[in-house]
Structure formats: C-alpha cells, structure tokens
Amino acid sequence: MLRGTVLDSSYFGAGSQMRVRLQNGTEIQVQVAEPSPAGSEIGLIPETSMLHVLAD
C-alpha cells in the first residue's frame, strides 16, 4: 500500500483526478471514482494493470 496526502483534486470525466504526495515526497496523479478532500491522509493500492509511468 502507498500512503500519502491529497494535495488537490479535480473532476476528470466520469471520475476525479487527485494529486497526492507520497510519504517519500514523490507526487503522483491518480484517477478515482470519488476524491478525498485536500489534506486527507490516504492509502492507495495500485492495480498494476492500470499503471502508466510518464517521463518527467
């Protein structure tokens, strides 16, 4: 499980996109059905078939 803090969220089609800062400082973007409020501590279990790694 990845743990982090929600930085912000926005609607993205049928769901929402959240920007999350992981405990090691890495920021990631995730698509979710229902977003958590900014500042929330969350846990993520990535579905490996759905991961997309993009160059910085």
C-alpha atoms as a PDB file:
ATOM      1  CA  MET A   1       0.000   0.000   0.000  1.00  0.00           C
ATOM      2  CA  LEU A   2       1.163   3.517  -0.810  1.00  0.00           C
ATOM      3  CA  ARG A   3       0.407   6.195   1.770  1.00  0.00           C
ATOM      4  CA  GLY A   4       0.247   9.897   1.084  1.00  0.00           C
ATOM      5  CA  THR A   5      -1.505  13.232   1.448  1.00  0.00           C
ATOM      6  CA  VAL A   6      -4.031  14.600  -1.043  1.00  0.00           C
ATOM      7  CA  LEU A   7      -2.769  17.918  -2.414  1.00  0.00           C
ATOM      8  CA  ASP A   8      -5.749  18.723  -4.632  1.00  0.00           C
ATOM      9  CA  SER A   9      -8.410  17.158  -6.829  1.00  0.00           C
ATOM     10  CA  SER A  10     -10.428  17.998  -9.919  1.00  0.00           C
ATOM     11  CA  TYR A  11     -13.233  16.412 -11.894  1.00  0.00           C
ATOM     12  CA  PHE A  12     -11.958  14.324 -14.788  1.00  0.00           C
ATOM     13  CA  GLY A  13     -14.689  12.803 -16.952  1.00  0.00           C
ATOM     14  CA  ALA A  14     -16.665  10.145 -15.096  1.00  0.00           C
ATOM     15  CA  GLY A  15     -14.392  10.351 -12.046  1.00  0.00           C
ATOM     16  CA  SER A  16     -11.865  12.674 -10.469  1.00  0.00           C
ATOM     17  CA  GLN A  17      -8.129  13.142 -10.594  1.00  0.00           C
ATOM     18  CA  MET A  18      -6.174  13.687  -7.387  1.00  0.00           C
ATOM     19  CA  ARG A  19      -2.612  14.872  -6.917  1.00  0.00           C
ATOM     20  CA  VAL A  20      -1.045  13.003  -3.990  1.00  0.00           C
ATOM     21  CA  ARG A  21       2.303  13.468  -2.215  1.00  0.00           C
ATOM     22  CA  LEU A  22       3.609  10.092  -1.072  1.00  0.00           C
ATOM     23  CA  GLN A  23       5.472   9.694   2.214  1.00  0.00           C
ATOM     24  CA  ASN A  24       8.826   9.762   0.367  1.00  0.00           C
ATOM     25  CA  GLY A  25       7.965  13.159  -1.201  1.00  0.00           C
ATOM     26  CA  THR A  26       7.086  11.864  -4.671  1.00  0.00           C
ATOM     27  CA  GLU A  27       3.982  13.461  -6.192  1.00  0.00           C
ATOM     28  CA  ILE A  28       1.650  11.270  -8.241  1.00  0.00           C
ATOM     29  CA  GLN A  29      -1.668  11.722 -10.012  1.00  0.00           C
ATOM     30  CA  VAL A  30      -4.397   9.148  -9.574  1.00  0.00           C
ATOM     31  CA  GLN A  31      -7.845   8.743 -11.069  1.00  0.00           C
ATOM     32  CA  VAL A  32     -10.572   7.790  -8.609  1.00  0.00           C
ATOM     33  CA  ALA A  33     -14.357   7.477  -8.602  1.00  0.00           C
ATOM     34  CA  GLU A  34     -14.719   9.776  -5.575  1.00  0.00           C
ATOM     35  CA  PRO A  35     -11.954  12.146  -4.436  1.00  0.00           C
ATOM     36  CA  SER A  36     -10.799  12.752  -0.875  1.00  0.00           C
ATOM     37  CA  PRO A  37     -10.504  16.352   0.362  1.00  0.00           C
ATOM     38  CA  ALA A  38      -7.169  18.177   0.160  1.00  0.00           C
ATOM     39  CA  GLY A  39      -5.073  17.476   3.257  1.00  0.00           C
ATOM     40  CA  SER A  40      -6.512  13.984   3.758  1.00  0.00           C
ATOM     41  CA  GLU A  41      -4.111  11.172   4.584  1.00  0.00           C
ATOM     42  CA  ILE A  42      -4.942   8.250   2.285  1.00  0.00           C
ATOM     43  CA  GLY A  43      -3.739   4.786   1.379  1.00  0.00           C
ATOM     44  CA  LEU A  44      -3.618   3.607  -2.230  1.00  0.00           C
ATOM     45  CA  ILE A  45      -3.449   0.062  -3.527  1.00  0.00           C
ATOM     46  CA  PRO A  46      -2.377   0.366  -7.167  1.00  0.00           C
ATOM     47  CA  GLU A  47      -3.845  -2.023  -9.699  1.00  0.00           C
ATOM     48  CA  THR A  48      -0.710  -2.873 -11.671  1.00  0.00           C
ATOM     49  CA  SER A  49      -2.576  -3.403 -14.944  1.00  0.00           C
ATOM     50  CA  MET A  50      -3.759   0.211 -14.728  1.00  0.00           C
ATOM     51  CA  LEU A  51      -0.396   1.904 -14.004  1.00  0.00           C
ATOM     52  CA  HIS A  52       1.066   4.337 -16.526  1.00  0.00           C
ATOM     53  CA  VAL A  53       4.534   5.745 -15.898  1.00  0.00           C
ATOM     54  CA  LEU A  54       5.288   9.014 -17.705  1.00  0.00           C
ATOM     55  CA  ALA A  55       8.616  10.757 -18.149  1.00  0.00           C
ATOM     56  CA  ASP A  56       9.117  13.889 -16.079  1.00  0.00           C
END
